[in-house]
């Protein structure tokens, strides 16, 4: 066990997992509370377009995913606010558009993309020091934003109409929340990949919400349980030589099923 921790790539994986857990626990709580899982799915899959462009133009695909994710979050958020009745259709179109753009640019790229599957299904063991620096930067933005606007995000998560009556700029904070969602998605791409990112953003917070009502407690305990899922899943996948992302999500899903049967807050 100790010998594994001496390996740099394994240490990077643990550090990256902890950094991703911080943002995921906080933003995932808002996603579950506000019930915007489908919107999150649209943003995450649209990010693949940025990954493809990154490969084609020969720069870090995570940067491309970040730019595309931010653009997609603002576009989906604006569409949700202005055309609520067409929200599902718009998200579905952008979802397919992002994936198609990604596939197109990767096919046009002259070089082979050996780590492409890591962006689709996750590969925590391939996290580099550059990825960690980007994660630290994104975590900083998310933590500062949530610390400053905690009350505003809390208000729009539970009662938008009352928030409007009180004079809160609900539309701005809704778009800003989706912006933070896009940052969190990019943090998780190398952990569980685009395909499974929605699961890690929803399952842990859904588990903790079975036991606590207060949003701040859900956030804190979600962070710790995500760290547990990632590190435990990382060790299991390493020793059994199975995909890390899928192992993490299966572990989380198992605990979610248990939480449903023992939750003291069940109706």
Protein backbone atom coordinates (compact mmCIF):
# COMPACT_ATOMS: atom_id res chain seq x y z
CA UNK A 1 0.00 0.00 0.00
CA UNK A 2 2.77 2.43 1.00
CA UNK A 3 4.76 1.51 -2.09
CA UNK A 4 1.90 2.69 -4.33
CA UNK A 5 1.88 6.11 -2.67
CA UNK A 6 5.52 6.54 -3.71
CA UNK A 7 4.42 6.59 -7.34
CA UNK A 8 4.00 10.14 -8.64
CA UNK A 9 1.04 9.37 -10.89
CA UNK A 10 -0.82 7.79 -7.96
CA UNK A 11 -0.14 10.79 -5.72
CA UNK A 12 -1.34 13.10 -8.50
CA UNK A 13 -4.51 11.03 -8.75
CA UNK A 14 -5.24 11.40 -5.02
CA UNK A 15 -4.51 15.15 -5.06
CA UNK A 16 -6.67 15.61 -8.15
CA UNK A 17 -9.46 13.59 -6.58
CA UNK A 18 -9.47 15.72 -3.44
CA UNK A 19 -9.46 18.96 -5.45
CA UNK A 20 -12.35 17.75 -7.59
CA UNK A 21 -14.26 16.62 -4.49
CA UNK A 22 -14.28 20.11 -3.01
CA UNK A 23 -15.98 21.70 -6.01
CA UNK A 24 -18.18 18.69 -6.70
CA UNK A 25 -19.55 18.55 -3.15
CA UNK A 26 -20.46 22.23 -3.16
CA UNK A 27 -21.84 22.63 -6.68
CA UNK A 28 -23.43 19.18 -6.70
CA UNK A 29 -25.52 20.24 -3.71
CA UNK A 30 -26.93 23.17 -5.68
CA UNK A 31 -27.58 20.95 -8.70
CA UNK A 32 -29.60 18.47 -6.66
CA UNK A 33 -31.43 21.18 -4.69
CA UNK A 34 -32.34 23.19 -7.80
CA UNK A 35 -33.04 20.07 -9.90
CA UNK A 36 -30.93 21.07 -12.90
CA UNK A 37 -29.41 17.65 -13.57
CA UNK A 38 -30.51 17.63 -17.22
CA UNK A 39 -28.99 21.07 -17.80
CA UNK A 40 -25.76 19.79 -16.23
CA UNK A 41 -25.81 16.86 -18.64
CA UNK A 42 -26.15 19.21 -21.60
CA UNK A 43 -23.19 21.31 -20.46
CA UNK A 44 -20.97 18.30 -19.77
CA UNK A 45 -21.54 16.70 -23.17
CA UNK A 46 -21.18 20.02 -24.97
CA UNK A 47 -17.68 20.24 -23.41
CA UNK A 48 -16.58 17.46 -25.76
CA UNK A 49 -16.67 20.01 -28.57
CA UNK A 50 -13.98 21.99 -26.77
CA UNK A 51 -11.91 18.87 -26.26
CA UNK A 52 -12.02 18.15 -29.99
CA UNK A 53 -11.02 21.72 -30.84
CA UNK A 54 -8.14 21.46 -28.34
CA UNK A 55 -6.83 18.37 -30.09
CA UNK A 56 -7.22 19.97 -33.52
CA UNK A 57 -5.49 23.25 -32.60
CA UNK A 58 -2.87 21.48 -30.47
CA UNK A 59 -3.55 23.01 -27.03
CA UNK A 60 -4.63 21.47 -23.71
CA UNK A 61 -8.05 19.84 -24.32
CA UNK A 62 -9.11 20.78 -20.77
CA UNK A 63 -8.75 24.45 -21.72
CA UNK A 64 -10.96 23.82 -24.73
CA UNK A 65 -13.49 22.01 -22.55
CA UNK A 66 -13.47 24.92 -20.12
CA UNK A 67 -14.15 27.53 -22.82
CA UNK A 68 -16.82 25.42 -24.49
CA UNK A 69 -18.39 24.60 -21.11
CA UNK A 70 -18.66 28.25 -20.13
CA UNK A 71 -20.16 29.15 -23.50
CA UNK A 72 -22.63 26.26 -23.28
CA UNK A 73 -23.67 27.07 -19.72
CA UNK A 74 -24.46 30.69 -20.60
CA UNK A 75 -26.30 29.66 -23.76
CA UNK A 76 -28.37 26.99 -22.02
CA UNK A 77 -29.05 29.29 -19.08
CA UNK A 78 -30.22 32.11 -21.32
CA UNK A 79 -32.42 29.72 -23.30
CA UNK A 80 -33.87 28.36 -20.06
CA UNK A 81 -34.77 31.87 -18.89
CA UNK A 82 -36.15 33.17 -22.20
CA UNK A 83 -37.78 30.06 -23.68
CA UNK A 84 -38.73 27.78 -20.81
CA UNK A 85 -41.11 25.72 -22.93
CA UNK A 86 -38.30 24.87 -25.37
CA UNK A 87 -35.62 24.25 -22.74
CA UNK A 88 -35.42 20.46 -23.18
CA UNK A 89 -35.14 20.77 -26.95
CA UNK A 90 -32.42 23.42 -26.79
CA UNK A 91 -30.40 21.37 -24.30
CA UNK A 92 -30.74 18.27 -26.46
CA UNK A 93 -29.58 20.13 -29.56
CA UNK A 94 -26.57 21.65 -27.80
CA UNK A 95 -25.77 18.25 -26.25
CA UNK A 96 -25.65 16.63 -29.71
CA UNK A 97 -23.90 19.64 -31.28
CA UNK A 98 -21.04 19.59 -28.78
CA UNK A 99 -20.44 15.86 -29.17
CA UNK A 100 -20.59 16.13 -32.97
CA UNK A 101 -18.15 19.07 -33.07
CA UNK A 102 -15.76 17.13 -30.87
CA UNK A 103 -15.89 14.03 -33.05
CA UNK A 104 -15.45 16.12 -36.21
CA UNK A 105 -12.37 18.02 -35.04
CA UNK A 106 -10.75 14.91 -33.58
CA UNK A 107 -11.21 13.14 -36.92
CA UNK A 108 -9.64 16.15 -38.71
CA UNK A 109 -6.69 16.22 -36.33
CA UNK A 110 -3.43 14.96 -37.79
CA UNK A 111 -2.28 13.35 -34.57
CA UNK A 112 -3.49 10.28 -32.73
CA UNK A 113 -5.48 11.00 -29.56
CA UNK A 114 -4.40 8.23 -27.15
CA UNK A 115 -6.03 9.76 -24.07
CA UNK A 116 -9.37 10.54 -25.71
CA UNK A 117 -11.16 7.81 -23.78
CA UNK A 118 -9.96 9.39 -20.53
CA UNK A 119 -12.14 12.42 -21.28
CA UNK A 120 -15.14 10.23 -22.06
CA UNK A 121 -14.88 7.67 -19.26
CA UNK A 122 -12.29 9.18 -16.91
CA UNK A 123 -8.72 8.19 -16.17
CA UNK A 124 -7.69 9.58 -12.81
CA UNK A 125 -4.30 7.88 -13.02
CA UNK A 126 -3.29 10.04 -15.99
CA UNK A 127 -3.71 13.37 -14.16
CA UNK A 128 -0.63 15.55 -14.65
CA UNK A 129 0.86 18.37 -12.59
CA UNK A 130 -0.55 20.80 -15.19
CA UNK A 131 -4.05 19.39 -14.63
CA UNK A 132 -3.60 19.82 -10.87
CA UNK A 133 -2.62 23.48 -11.27
CA UNK A 134 -5.73 24.07 -13.39
CA UNK A 135 -7.85 22.30 -10.77
CA UNK A 136 -6.45 24.50 -7.99
CA UNK A 137 -7.26 27.62 -9.99
CA UNK A 138 -10.83 26.50 -10.74
CA UNK A 139 -11.38 25.41 -7.13
CA UNK A 140 -10.28 28.84 -5.95
CA UNK A 141 -12.80 30.57 -8.22
CA UNK A 142 -15.62 28.28 -7.08
CA UNK A 143 -14.85 28.60 -3.36
CA UNK A 144 -14.56 32.38 -3.45
CA UNK A 145 -17.77 32.73 -5.49
CA UNK A 146 -19.82 30.49 -3.22
CA UNK A 147 -18.41 32.14 -0.08
CA UNK A 148 -19.39 35.62 -1.32
CA UNK A 149 -22.78 34.71 -2.78
CA UNK A 150 -23.85 31.86 -0.51
CA UNK A 151 -27.12 33.52 0.55
CA UNK A 152 -28.00 34.47 -3.03
CA UNK A 153 -27.45 30.93 -4.32
CA UNK A 154 -29.41 29.56 -1.39
CA UNK A 155 -32.32 31.86 -2.23
CA UNK A 156 -32.53 30.95 -5.93
CA UNK A 157 -32.18 27.24 -5.15
CA UNK A 158 -35.33 27.08 -3.04
CA UNK A 159 -37.61 30.01 -3.86
CA UNK A 160 -36.98 32.00 -7.04
CA UNK A 161 -40.29 33.86 -6.93
CA UNK A 162 -39.78 35.14 -3.40
CA UNK A 163 -36.21 36.11 -4.30
CA UNK A 164 -37.51 38.20 -7.19
CA UNK A 165 -40.00 39.92 -4.90
CA UNK A 166 -37.14 40.76 -2.53
CA UNK A 167 -35.31 42.42 -5.44
CA UNK A 168 -32.65 39.77 -6.05
CA UNK A 169 -31.33 39.58 -9.61
CA UNK A 170 -32.36 35.94 -10.00
CA UNK A 171 -31.40 35.69 -13.68
CA UNK A 172 -27.83 36.85 -13.05
CA UNK A 173 -27.22 34.45 -10.17
CA UNK A 174 -28.81 31.57 -12.08
CA UNK A 175 -26.41 32.13 -14.99
CA UNK A 176 -23.53 32.56 -12.58
CA UNK A 177 -24.42 29.24 -10.91
CA UNK A 178 -24.40 27.51 -14.30
CA UNK A 179 -21.00 29.11 -14.95
CA UNK A 180 -19.71 27.49 -11.74
CA UNK A 181 -21.30 24.21 -12.81
CA UNK A 182 -19.25 24.32 -16.03
CA UNK A 183 -16.05 24.87 -14.02
CA UNK A 184 -16.87 21.89 -11.81
CA UNK A 185 -17.55 19.67 -14.82
CA UNK A 186 -14.09 20.44 -16.20
CA UNK A 187 -12.61 19.52 -12.79
CA UNK A 188 -14.28 16.11 -13.01
CA UNK A 189 -13.47 15.23 -16.63
CA UNK A 190 -10.23 13.44 -15.81
CA UNK A 191 -11.79 11.76 -12.77
CA UNK A 192 -14.92 10.11 -14.19
CA UNK A 193 -15.21 11.51 -17.73
CA UNK A 194 -18.01 13.22 -19.63
CA UNK A 195 -20.24 10.14 -19.68
CA UNK A 196 -20.28 9.68 -15.89
CA UNK A 197 -19.79 13.25 -14.66
CA UNK A 198 -23.50 13.77 -13.94
CA UNK A 199 -23.45 10.81 -11.55
CA UNK A 200 -20.69 12.19 -9.35
CA UNK A 201 -22.37 15.59 -9.29
CA UNK A 202 -25.69 14.17 -8.10
CA UNK A 203 -25.29 10.85 -6.25
CA UNK A 204 -23.15 12.06 -3.28
CA UNK A 205 -25.38 15.07 -2.57
CA UNK A 206 -28.46 12.88 -2.99
CA UNK A 207 -27.03 10.50 -0.37
CA UNK A 208 -26.25 13.22 2.17
CA UNK A 209 -29.61 14.95 1.64
CA UNK A 210 -31.21 11.75 2.96
CA UNK A 211 -29.79 12.63 6.38
CA UNK A 212 -29.54 16.44 6.56
CA UNK A 213 -31.78 19.38 5.64
CA UNK A 214 -29.33 22.28 5.93
CA UNK A 215 -27.51 23.13 2.72
CA UNK A 216 -24.16 23.87 4.36
CA UNK A 217 -24.12 20.49 6.11
CA UNK A 218 -25.00 18.72 2.87
CA UNK A 219 -22.09 20.48 1.16
CA UNK A 220 -19.54 19.62 3.84
CA UNK A 221 -20.48 15.97 4.16
CA UNK A 222 -20.79 15.62 0.37
CA UNK A 223 -17.17 16.73 0.01
CA UNK A 224 -15.97 14.09 2.48
CA UNK A 225 -18.05 11.29 1.00
CA UNK A 226 -16.83 12.13 -2.52
CA UNK A 227 -13.22 11.99 -1.29
CA UNK A 228 -14.03 8.57 0.18
CA UNK A 229 -15.60 7.37 -3.08
CA UNK A 230 -12.72 8.61 -5.24
CA UNK A 231 -9.86 7.33 -3.10
CA UNK A 232 -11.53 3.98 -2.35
CA UNK A 233 -12.53 3.55 -6.00
CA UNK A 234 -9.00 4.50 -7.04
CA UNK A 235 -7.43 1.76 -4.93
CA UNK A 236 -10.01 -0.84 -6.01
CA UNK A 237 -9.55 -0.02 -9.70
CA UNK A 238 -5.75 -0.07 -9.38
CA UNK A 239 -5.56 -3.46 -7.70
CA UNK A 240 -8.26 -5.08 -9.86
CA UNK A 241 -7.06 -3.35 -13.04
CA UNK A 242 -10.53 -2.07 -13.94
CA UNK A 243 -11.68 1.41 -15.13
CA UNK A 244 -11.40 3.95 -12.31
CA UNK A 245 -14.33 6.20 -13.32
CA UNK A 246 -16.82 3.35 -13.51
CA UNK A 247 -15.55 1.91 -10.22
CA UNK A 248 -16.06 5.24 -8.42
CA UNK A 249 -19.60 5.62 -9.74
CA UNK A 250 -20.56 2.01 -8.93
CA UNK A 251 -19.29 2.49 -5.39
CA UNK A 252 -21.30 5.70 -5.04
CA UNK A 253 -24.40 4.03 -6.49
CA UNK A 254 -24.09 1.16 -4.01
CA UNK A 255 -23.99 3.58 -1.08
CA UNK A 256 -26.95 5.50 -2.52
CA UNK A 257 -29.06 2.35 -2.50
CA UNK A 258 -28.08 1.74 1.10
CA UNK A 259 -28.95 5.33 2.05
CA UNK A 260 -32.45 4.91 0.65
CA UNK A 261 -33.13 2.06 3.02
CA UNK A 262 -31.72 3.65 6.19
CA UNK A 263 -32.52 7.33 5.70
CA UNK A 264 -34.23 8.93 8.73
CA UNK A 265 -35.68 11.66 6.48
CA UNK A 266 -37.67 9.35 4.21
CA UNK A 267 -41.30 10.24 3.80
